[in-house]
Amino acid sequence: MQEGDLCNHYNFVVSGCFKMYSVDNAGKEHIIQFGAENNWLTDIGSLHSRKPGRLFIEAIEPSLILPIALNDLVFLYENHPKFNRIFRVIVENNFVELQNRILQNISNTAEERYLSFLNQYPHLSGRLPNTQIASYLGITPEFLSNIRKSIATK
C-alpha cells in the first residue's frame, strides 16, 4: 500500500513480515508498526473513513497475506457475532499496544524503548536490519548500536 491509496482490506499475515510507516517532508521513514506471522495489519484510518491513506505498508521479506475486504468484514460482523467479538478484541489489543507505544515514546529512554521492542517482537529482532529497528524506535542506527553494546556489557 502506498500513501494516497484507498485501503480496502484488512490483512492477516500468514508468513513473512511487513512494516507500516510514514515518510516525512525530508524523506525520512518513520516505522509505526511491524506485522509478522499471525498478525493483522491495515491502514485502519483509510479503511474505515474511506479516505486516501497516509501510510505505506510494505513487505520486508517474502510474505503471504490473507486479505479480507471491508464489505466482507462488515458482513461477518453483522452475521457472526462471535467473529465480531473476536475481531473487536484484536483491534482493541492493537489500540492498547499503540497507546503504550506513544507513552513509551514520550516518557522512556531509547534503551527502555529498545527493551520493550525486544519484548513485543522477540521473533523479529534477528530478522530486521538495524535501520528499520532504529526507525521504529525513533533513533539513529548508530545510537541503536551503542544501546546494544551497552546492554551486552551489563
N, C-alpha and C. Protein backbone atom coordinates (compact mmCIF):
# COMPACT_ATOMS: atom_id res chain seq x y z
N MET A 1 0.84 -1.17 0.00
CA MET A 1 0.00 0.00 0.00
C MET A 1 0.89 1.23 0.00
N GLN A 2 0.48 2.23 -0.75
CA GLN A 2 1.21 3.49 -0.84
C GLN A 2 0.41 4.61 -0.18
N GLU A 3 1.11 5.62 0.31
CA GLU A 3 0.42 6.81 0.80
C GLU A 3 -0.46 7.34 -0.32
N GLY A 4 -1.70 7.70 0.00
CA GLY A 4 -2.63 8.20 -1.01
C GLY A 4 -3.55 7.15 -1.57
N ASP A 5 -3.22 5.87 -1.36
CA ASP A 5 -4.10 4.78 -1.79
C ASP A 5 -5.30 4.68 -0.85
N LEU A 6 -6.40 4.19 -1.38
CA LEU A 6 -7.55 3.89 -0.54
C LEU A 6 -7.40 2.45 -0.05
N CYS A 7 -7.40 2.26 1.24
CA CYS A 7 -7.26 0.93 1.82
C CYS A 7 -8.60 0.21 1.77
N ASN A 8 -8.61 -0.98 1.17
CA ASN A 8 -9.86 -1.73 1.01
C ASN A 8 -9.87 -3.05 1.75
N HIS A 9 -8.77 -3.40 2.41
CA HIS A 9 -8.66 -4.72 3.03
C HIS A 9 -8.02 -4.65 4.41
N TYR A 10 -8.41 -5.57 5.23
CA TYR A 10 -7.69 -5.89 6.46
C TYR A 10 -6.88 -7.12 6.10
N ASN A 11 -5.62 -7.17 6.48
CA ASN A 11 -4.73 -8.24 6.03
C ASN A 11 -4.21 -9.07 7.19
N PHE A 12 -4.37 -10.37 7.09
CA PHE A 12 -3.81 -11.31 8.05
C PHE A 12 -2.49 -11.81 7.48
N VAL A 13 -1.42 -11.68 8.26
CA VAL A 13 -0.10 -12.10 7.81
C VAL A 13 0.07 -13.58 8.13
N VAL A 14 0.12 -14.40 7.09
CA VAL A 14 0.32 -15.84 7.24
C VAL A 14 1.80 -16.14 7.46
N SER A 15 2.63 -15.50 6.64
CA SER A 15 4.08 -15.68 6.78
C SER A 15 4.76 -14.41 6.30
N GLY A 16 5.99 -14.22 6.78
CA GLY A 16 6.76 -13.06 6.38
C GLY A 16 6.62 -11.92 7.36
N CYS A 17 7.01 -10.74 6.90
CA CYS A 17 6.99 -9.57 7.76
C CYS A 17 6.76 -8.31 6.92
N PHE A 18 5.97 -7.41 7.48
CA PHE A 18 5.65 -6.13 6.87
C PHE A 18 6.01 -5.00 7.81
N LYS A 19 6.19 -3.83 7.24
CA LYS A 19 6.33 -2.62 8.04
C LYS A 19 5.26 -1.64 7.58
N MET A 20 4.70 -0.91 8.53
CA MET A 20 3.76 0.16 8.24
C MET A 20 4.47 1.44 8.66
N TYR A 21 4.53 2.41 7.74
CA TYR A 21 5.33 3.59 8.03
C TYR A 21 4.81 4.81 7.30
N SER A 22 5.32 5.97 7.73
CA SER A 22 5.07 7.22 7.03
C SER A 22 6.43 7.79 6.62
N VAL A 23 6.39 8.75 5.71
CA VAL A 23 7.60 9.43 5.28
C VAL A 23 7.38 10.92 5.49
N ASP A 24 8.31 11.56 6.22
CA ASP A 24 8.15 12.99 6.49
C ASP A 24 8.61 13.82 5.29
N ASN A 25 8.49 15.15 5.41
CA ASN A 25 8.82 16.05 4.30
C ASN A 25 10.28 15.98 3.90
N ALA A 26 11.15 15.55 4.81
CA ALA A 26 12.58 15.43 4.50
C ALA A 26 12.91 14.07 3.89
N GLY A 27 11.89 13.23 3.72
CA GLY A 27 12.10 11.91 3.13
C GLY A 27 12.51 10.84 4.13
N LYS A 28 12.42 11.16 5.42
CA LYS A 28 12.80 10.19 6.45
C LYS A 28 11.62 9.27 6.77
N GLU A 29 11.92 7.99 6.85
CA GLU A 29 10.91 6.96 7.13
C GLU A 29 10.70 6.81 8.64
N HIS A 30 9.44 6.71 9.05
CA HIS A 30 9.08 6.51 10.46
C HIS A 30 8.19 5.27 10.56
N ILE A 31 8.76 4.19 11.05
CA ILE A 31 8.01 2.94 11.15
C ILE A 31 7.09 3.00 12.36
N ILE A 32 5.83 2.74 12.12
CA ILE A 32 4.81 2.78 13.16
C ILE A 32 4.59 1.40 13.75
N GLN A 33 4.63 0.38 12.88
CA GLN A 33 4.27 -0.96 13.33
C GLN A 33 4.90 -1.99 12.41
N PHE A 34 5.22 -3.14 13.00
CA PHE A 34 5.62 -4.30 12.21
C PHE A 34 4.48 -5.30 12.27
N GLY A 35 4.29 -6.04 11.21
CA GLY A 35 3.29 -7.10 11.19
C GLY A 35 3.94 -8.37 10.67
N ALA A 36 4.03 -9.36 11.52
CA ALA A 36 4.62 -10.64 11.13
C ALA A 36 3.57 -11.73 11.29
N GLU A 37 4.00 -12.97 11.22
CA GLU A 37 3.09 -14.11 11.26
C GLU A 37 2.03 -13.96 12.36
N ASN A 38 0.80 -14.29 11.97
CA ASN A 38 -0.36 -14.30 12.87
C ASN A 38 -0.76 -12.93 13.39
N ASN A 39 -0.44 -11.89 12.63
CA ASN A 39 -0.86 -10.54 12.98
C ASN A 39 -1.76 -9.97 11.89
N TRP A 40 -2.58 -9.01 12.28
CA TRP A 40 -3.42 -8.29 11.34
C TRP A 40 -2.77 -6.94 11.09
N LEU A 41 -2.88 -6.43 9.87
CA LEU A 41 -2.24 -5.16 9.52
C LEU A 41 -3.08 -4.44 8.47
N THR A 42 -3.34 -3.17 8.72
CA THR A 42 -4.06 -2.34 7.76
C THR A 42 -3.87 -0.88 8.10
N ASP A 43 -4.16 -0.01 7.16
CA ASP A 43 -4.27 1.42 7.44
C ASP A 43 -5.72 1.62 7.86
N ILE A 44 -5.97 1.43 9.15
CA ILE A 44 -7.35 1.40 9.65
C ILE A 44 -8.06 2.75 9.45
N GLY A 45 -7.30 3.84 9.49
CA GLY A 45 -7.90 5.16 9.25
C GLY A 45 -8.48 5.26 7.86
N SER A 46 -7.74 4.82 6.86
CA SER A 46 -8.23 4.83 5.49
C SER A 46 -9.34 3.82 5.28
N LEU A 47 -9.18 2.64 5.86
CA LEU A 47 -10.17 1.57 5.68
C LEU A 47 -11.55 2.02 6.15
N HIS A 48 -11.61 2.63 7.32
CA HIS A 48 -12.92 2.98 7.89
C HIS A 48 -13.44 4.35 7.46
N SER A 49 -12.54 5.29 7.15
CA SER A 49 -13.01 6.62 6.73
C SER A 49 -13.30 6.67 5.24
N ARG A 50 -12.77 5.67 4.50
CA ARG A 50 -12.88 5.61 3.04
C ARG A 50 -12.18 6.82 2.40
N LYS A 51 -11.11 7.31 3.05
CA LYS A 51 -10.30 8.40 2.52
C LYS A 51 -8.92 7.86 2.18
N PRO A 52 -8.19 8.55 1.30
CA PRO A 52 -6.84 8.09 0.97
C PRO A 52 -5.97 7.94 2.22
N GLY A 53 -5.16 6.89 2.23
CA GLY A 53 -4.32 6.61 3.38
C GLY A 53 -3.13 7.53 3.49
N ARG A 54 -2.59 7.61 4.68
CA ARG A 54 -1.41 8.42 4.95
C ARG A 54 -0.19 7.54 5.20
N LEU A 55 -0.37 6.23 5.07
CA LEU A 55 0.69 5.29 5.43
C LEU A 55 1.09 4.42 4.25
N PHE A 56 2.29 3.89 4.35
CA PHE A 56 2.78 2.88 3.44
C PHE A 56 2.77 1.56 4.20
N ILE A 57 2.45 0.47 3.52
CA ILE A 57 2.60 -0.88 4.07
C ILE A 57 3.42 -1.65 3.05
N GLU A 58 4.54 -2.20 3.51
CA GLU A 58 5.49 -2.82 2.59
C GLU A 58 6.02 -4.12 3.18
N ALA A 59 6.10 -5.15 2.36
CA ALA A 59 6.72 -6.40 2.78
C ALA A 59 8.22 -6.17 2.89
N ILE A 60 8.82 -6.67 3.97
CA ILE A 60 10.27 -6.53 4.13
C ILE A 60 10.98 -7.88 4.02
N GLU A 61 10.19 -8.90 3.75
CA GLU A 61 10.73 -10.21 3.40
C GLU A 61 9.62 -10.94 2.64
N PRO A 62 9.95 -12.02 1.94
CA PRO A 62 8.88 -12.75 1.24
C PRO A 62 7.73 -13.08 2.20
N SER A 63 6.52 -12.78 1.77
CA SER A 63 5.38 -12.84 2.67
C SER A 63 4.14 -13.38 1.99
N LEU A 64 3.22 -13.86 2.80
CA LEU A 64 1.92 -14.30 2.33
C LEU A 64 0.87 -13.71 3.25
N ILE A 65 -0.14 -13.07 2.65
CA ILE A 65 -1.23 -12.49 3.43
C ILE A 65 -2.56 -13.06 2.97
N LEU A 66 -3.54 -12.97 3.86
CA LEU A 66 -4.93 -13.27 3.52
C LEU A 66 -5.71 -11.97 3.72
N PRO A 67 -6.06 -11.29 2.61
CA PRO A 67 -6.81 -10.04 2.75
C PRO A 67 -8.30 -10.32 2.91
N ILE A 68 -8.95 -9.49 3.70
CA ILE A 68 -10.40 -9.56 3.81
C ILE A 68 -10.94 -8.16 3.47
N ALA A 69 -11.80 -8.11 2.47
CA ALA A 69 -12.36 -6.84 2.01
C ALA A 69 -13.28 -6.26 3.07
N LEU A 70 -13.37 -4.94 3.08
CA LEU A 70 -14.19 -4.26 4.08
C LEU A 70 -15.64 -4.74 4.04
N ASN A 71 -16.22 -4.89 2.86
CA ASN A 71 -17.63 -5.33 2.80
C ASN A 71 -17.78 -6.75 3.34
N ASP A 72 -16.79 -7.62 3.13
CA ASP A 72 -16.84 -8.97 3.70
C ASP A 72 -16.68 -8.92 5.22
N LEU A 73 -15.83 -8.02 5.68
CA LEU A 73 -15.64 -7.86 7.12
C LEU A 73 -16.93 -7.39 7.79
N VAL A 74 -17.59 -6.43 7.19
CA VAL A 74 -18.87 -5.95 7.72
C VAL A 74 -19.91 -7.07 7.71
N PHE A 75 -19.94 -7.85 6.64
CA PHE A 75 -20.86 -8.98 6.58
C PHE A 75 -20.60 -9.94 7.75
N LEU A 76 -19.34 -10.25 8.00
CA LEU A 76 -19.02 -11.15 9.12
C LEU A 76 -19.41 -10.54 10.46
N TYR A 77 -19.16 -9.24 10.63
CA TYR A 77 -19.57 -8.57 11.87
C TYR A 77 -21.07 -8.73 12.10
N GLU A 78 -21.84 -8.49 11.06
CA GLU A 78 -23.30 -8.47 11.19
C GLU A 78 -23.91 -9.86 11.31
N ASN A 79 -23.28 -10.86 10.72
CA ASN A 79 -23.89 -12.18 10.65
C ASN A 79 -23.24 -13.24 11.55
N HIS A 80 -22.14 -12.91 12.14
CA HIS A 80 -21.44 -13.87 13.00
C HIS A 80 -20.94 -13.16 14.25
N PRO A 81 -21.79 -13.08 15.29
CA PRO A 81 -21.43 -12.34 16.50
C PRO A 81 -20.11 -12.77 17.13
N LYS A 82 -19.77 -14.06 17.05
CA LYS A 82 -18.50 -14.50 17.64
C LYS A 82 -17.32 -13.88 16.89
N PHE A 83 -17.41 -13.81 15.56
CA PHE A 83 -16.36 -13.17 14.78
C PHE A 83 -16.27 -11.69 15.15
N ASN A 84 -17.42 -11.05 15.27
CA ASN A 84 -17.45 -9.63 15.64
C ASN A 84 -16.72 -9.42 16.97
N ARG A 85 -17.01 -10.25 17.94
CA ARG A 85 -16.37 -10.13 19.27
C ARG A 85 -14.87 -10.39 19.18
N ILE A 86 -14.47 -11.45 18.51
CA ILE A 86 -13.04 -11.80 18.40
C ILE A 86 -12.28 -10.69 17.69
N PHE A 87 -12.84 -10.20 16.60
CA PHE A 87 -12.15 -9.17 15.83
C PHE A 87 -12.07 -7.87 16.62
N ARG A 88 -13.12 -7.54 17.36
CA ARG A 88 -13.10 -6.33 18.19
C ARG A 88 -12.01 -6.43 19.23
N VAL A 89 -11.84 -7.60 19.85
CA VAL A 89 -10.78 -7.78 20.85
C VAL A 89 -9.41 -7.61 20.20
N ILE A 90 -9.22 -8.15 19.00
CA ILE A 90 -7.95 -7.99 18.28
C ILE A 90 -7.66 -6.51 18.05
N VAL A 91 -8.65 -5.77 17.55
CA VAL A 91 -8.46 -4.35 17.27
C VAL A 91 -8.22 -3.57 18.56
N GLU A 92 -8.94 -3.90 19.62
CA GLU A 92 -8.73 -3.22 20.90
C GLU A 92 -7.33 -3.49 21.45
N ASN A 93 -6.85 -4.72 21.33
CA ASN A 93 -5.50 -5.04 21.79
C ASN A 93 -4.46 -4.26 20.98
N ASN A 94 -4.67 -4.14 19.68
CA ASN A 94 -3.75 -3.34 18.86
C ASN A 94 -3.78 -1.87 19.28
N PHE A 95 -4.96 -1.38 19.61
CA PHE A 95 -5.08 0.01 20.06
C PHE A 95 -4.32 0.22 21.37
N VAL A 96 -4.44 -0.73 22.29
CA VAL A 96 -3.71 -0.65 23.56
C VAL A 96 -2.20 -0.64 23.30
N GLU A 97 -1.74 -1.51 22.39
CA GLU A 97 -0.31 -1.54 22.05
C GLU A 97 0.15 -0.18 21.51
N LEU A 98 -0.65 0.43 20.65
CA LEU A 98 -0.27 1.73 20.10
C LEU A 98 -0.28 2.82 21.17
N GLN A 99 -1.24 2.77 22.10
CA GLN A 99 -1.24 3.73 23.20
C GLN A 99 0.01 3.56 24.06
N ASN A 100 0.36 2.32 24.34
CA ASN A 100 1.57 2.07 25.13
C ASN A 100 2.81 2.57 24.40
N ARG A 101 2.83 2.39 23.10
CA ARG A 101 3.98 2.86 22.30
C ARG A 101 4.10 4.38 22.36
N ILE A 102 2.98 5.08 22.29
CA ILE A 102 3.01 6.54 22.40
C ILE A 102 3.55 6.95 23.76
N LEU A 103 3.05 6.31 24.82
CA LEU A 103 3.53 6.63 26.17
C LEU A 103 5.02 6.36 26.30
N GLN A 104 5.49 5.25 25.74
CA GLN A 104 6.92 4.95 25.79
C GLN A 104 7.73 6.01 25.05
N ASN A 105 7.24 6.44 23.90
CA ASN A 105 7.98 7.42 23.10
C ASN A 105 8.11 8.76 23.81
N ILE A 106 7.14 9.11 24.66
CA ILE A 106 7.22 10.41 25.33
C ILE A 106 7.81 10.33 26.72
N SER A 107 7.97 9.11 27.26
CA SER A 107 8.44 9.04 28.64
C SER A 107 9.59 8.09 28.90
N ASN A 108 9.95 7.22 27.96
CA ASN A 108 11.00 6.24 28.20
C ASN A 108 12.28 6.61 27.47
N THR A 109 13.39 6.10 27.98
CA THR A 109 14.66 6.29 27.30
C THR A 109 14.70 5.41 26.05
N ALA A 110 15.65 5.68 25.19
CA ALA A 110 15.81 4.86 23.99
C ALA A 110 16.12 3.42 24.36
N GLU A 111 16.92 3.21 25.39
CA GLU A 111 17.23 1.85 25.82
C GLU A 111 15.98 1.13 26.31
N GLU A 112 15.14 1.82 27.07
CA GLU A 112 13.89 1.22 27.54
C GLU A 112 12.97 0.89 26.37
N ARG A 113 12.93 1.77 25.37
CA ARG A 113 12.11 1.51 24.18
C ARG A 113 12.64 0.29 23.42
N TYR A 114 13.96 0.16 23.34
CA TYR A 114 14.55 -0.99 22.66
C TYR A 114 14.22 -2.28 23.41
N LEU A 115 14.33 -2.26 24.72
CA LEU A 115 14.00 -3.45 25.51
C LEU A 115 12.52 -3.81 25.35
N SER A 116 11.66 -2.81 25.26
CA SER A 116 10.24 -3.04 25.02
C SER A 116 10.02 -3.64 23.64
N PHE A 117 10.75 -3.14 22.63
CA PHE A 117 10.68 -3.70 21.28
C PHE A 117 11.05 -5.18 21.32
N LEU A 118 12.14 -5.52 22.02
CA LEU A 118 12.56 -6.91 22.11
C LEU A 118 11.49 -7.77 22.78
N ASN A 119 10.79 -7.20 23.75
CA ASN A 119 9.72 -7.91 24.44
C ASN A 119 8.51 -8.10 23.53
N GLN A 120 8.17 -7.06 22.78
CA GLN A 120 6.98 -7.11 21.92
C GLN A 120 7.24 -7.94 20.65
N TYR A 121 8.44 -7.85 20.11
CA TYR A 121 8.77 -8.51 18.85
C TYR A 121 10.00 -9.41 19.00
N PRO A 122 10.00 -10.37 19.93
CA PRO A 122 11.21 -11.18 20.14
C PRO A 122 11.62 -11.97 18.90
N HIS A 123 10.68 -12.35 18.10
CA HIS A 123 10.95 -13.14 16.90
C HIS A 123 11.44 -12.28 15.72
N LEU A 124 11.42 -10.95 15.86
CA LEU A 124 11.83 -10.09 14.75
C LEU A 124 13.21 -9.47 14.92
N SER A 125 13.73 -9.43 16.13
CA SER A 125 14.98 -8.70 16.35
C SER A 125 16.12 -9.21 15.48
N GLY A 126 16.16 -10.50 15.20
CA GLY A 126 17.20 -11.06 14.35
C GLY A 126 16.86 -11.03 12.87
N ARG A 127 15.62 -10.70 12.54
CA ARG A 127 15.18 -10.70 11.13
C ARG A 127 15.22 -9.32 10.50
N LEU A 128 15.30 -8.29 11.32
CA LEU A 128 15.22 -6.92 10.80
C LEU A 128 16.57 -6.23 10.82
N PRO A 129 16.86 -5.42 9.80
CA PRO A 129 18.10 -4.65 9.84
C PRO A 129 18.03 -3.55 10.91
N ASN A 130 19.20 -3.15 11.39
CA ASN A 130 19.26 -2.09 12.41
C ASN A 130 18.55 -0.82 11.97
N THR A 131 18.61 -0.51 10.67
CA THR A 131 17.99 0.73 10.20
C THR A 131 16.48 0.72 10.45
N GLN A 132 15.83 -0.42 10.29
CA GLN A 132 14.38 -0.48 10.49
C GLN A 132 14.02 -0.49 11.97
N ILE A 133 14.81 -1.18 12.77
CA ILE A 133 14.56 -1.15 14.23
C ILE A 133 14.76 0.27 14.74
N ALA A 134 15.82 0.91 14.29
CA ALA A 134 16.09 2.29 14.73
C ALA A 134 14.96 3.23 14.31
N SER A 135 14.45 3.06 13.08
CA SER A 135 13.35 3.89 12.62
C SER A 135 12.13 3.70 13.52
N TYR A 136 11.84 2.47 13.88
CA TYR A 136 10.72 2.17 14.78
C TYR A 136 10.91 2.84 16.14
N LEU A 137 12.15 2.85 16.63
CA LEU A 137 12.45 3.42 17.95
C LEU A 137 12.61 4.93 17.93
N GLY A 138 12.75 5.51 16.72
CA GLY A 138 12.93 6.96 16.62
C GLY A 138 14.35 7.39 16.94
N ILE A 139 15.33 6.54 16.65
CA ILE A 139 16.74 6.85 16.90
C ILE A 139 17.55 6.51 15.64
N THR A 140 18.83 6.87 15.68
CA THR A 140 19.69 6.54 14.54
C THR A 140 20.21 5.11 14.69
N PRO A 141 20.58 4.48 13.59
CA PRO A 141 21.17 3.14 13.67
C PRO A 141 22.45 3.11 14.52
N GLU A 142 23.22 4.19 14.48
CA GLU A 142 24.44 4.27 15.29
C GLU A 142 24.11 4.26 16.77
N PHE A 143 23.08 5.00 17.16
CA PHE A 143 22.69 5.03 18.57
C PHE A 143 22.15 3.67 19.00
N LEU A 144 21.44 2.98 18.11
CA LEU A 144 20.97 1.63 18.41
C LEU A 144 22.16 0.70 18.65
N SER A 145 23.20 0.82 17.84
CA SER A 145 24.40 0.00 18.05
C SER A 145 25.01 0.27 19.42
N ASN A 146 25.03 1.54 19.83
CA ASN A 146 25.55 1.89 21.16
C ASN A 146 24.70 1.27 22.27
N ILE A 147 23.39 1.30 22.09
CA ILE A 147 22.50 0.70 23.08
C ILE A 147 22.75 -0.79 23.18
N ARG A 148 22.87 -1.46 22.05
CA ARG A 148 23.13 -2.90 22.05
C ARG A 148 24.46 -3.22 22.74
N LYS A 149 25.48 -2.43 22.48
CA LYS A 149 26.78 -2.63 23.13
C LYS A 149 26.65 -2.45 24.64
N SER A 150 25.93 -1.42 25.05
CA SER A 150 25.74 -1.13 26.47
C SER A 150 25.01 -2.29 27.17
N ILE A 151 23.99 -2.81 26.53
CA ILE A 151 23.23 -3.92 27.11
C ILE A 151 24.10 -5.16 27.19
N ALA A 152 24.92 -5.40 26.18
CA ALA A 152 25.77 -6.58 26.14
C ALA A 152 26.84 -6.56 27.25
N THR A 153 27.28 -5.36 27.62
CA THR A 153 28.31 -5.27 28.65
C THR A 153 27.74 -5.29 30.06
N LYS A 154 26.43 -5.18 30.19
CA LYS A 154 25.81 -5.20 31.53
C LYS A 154 25.70 -6.61 32.06
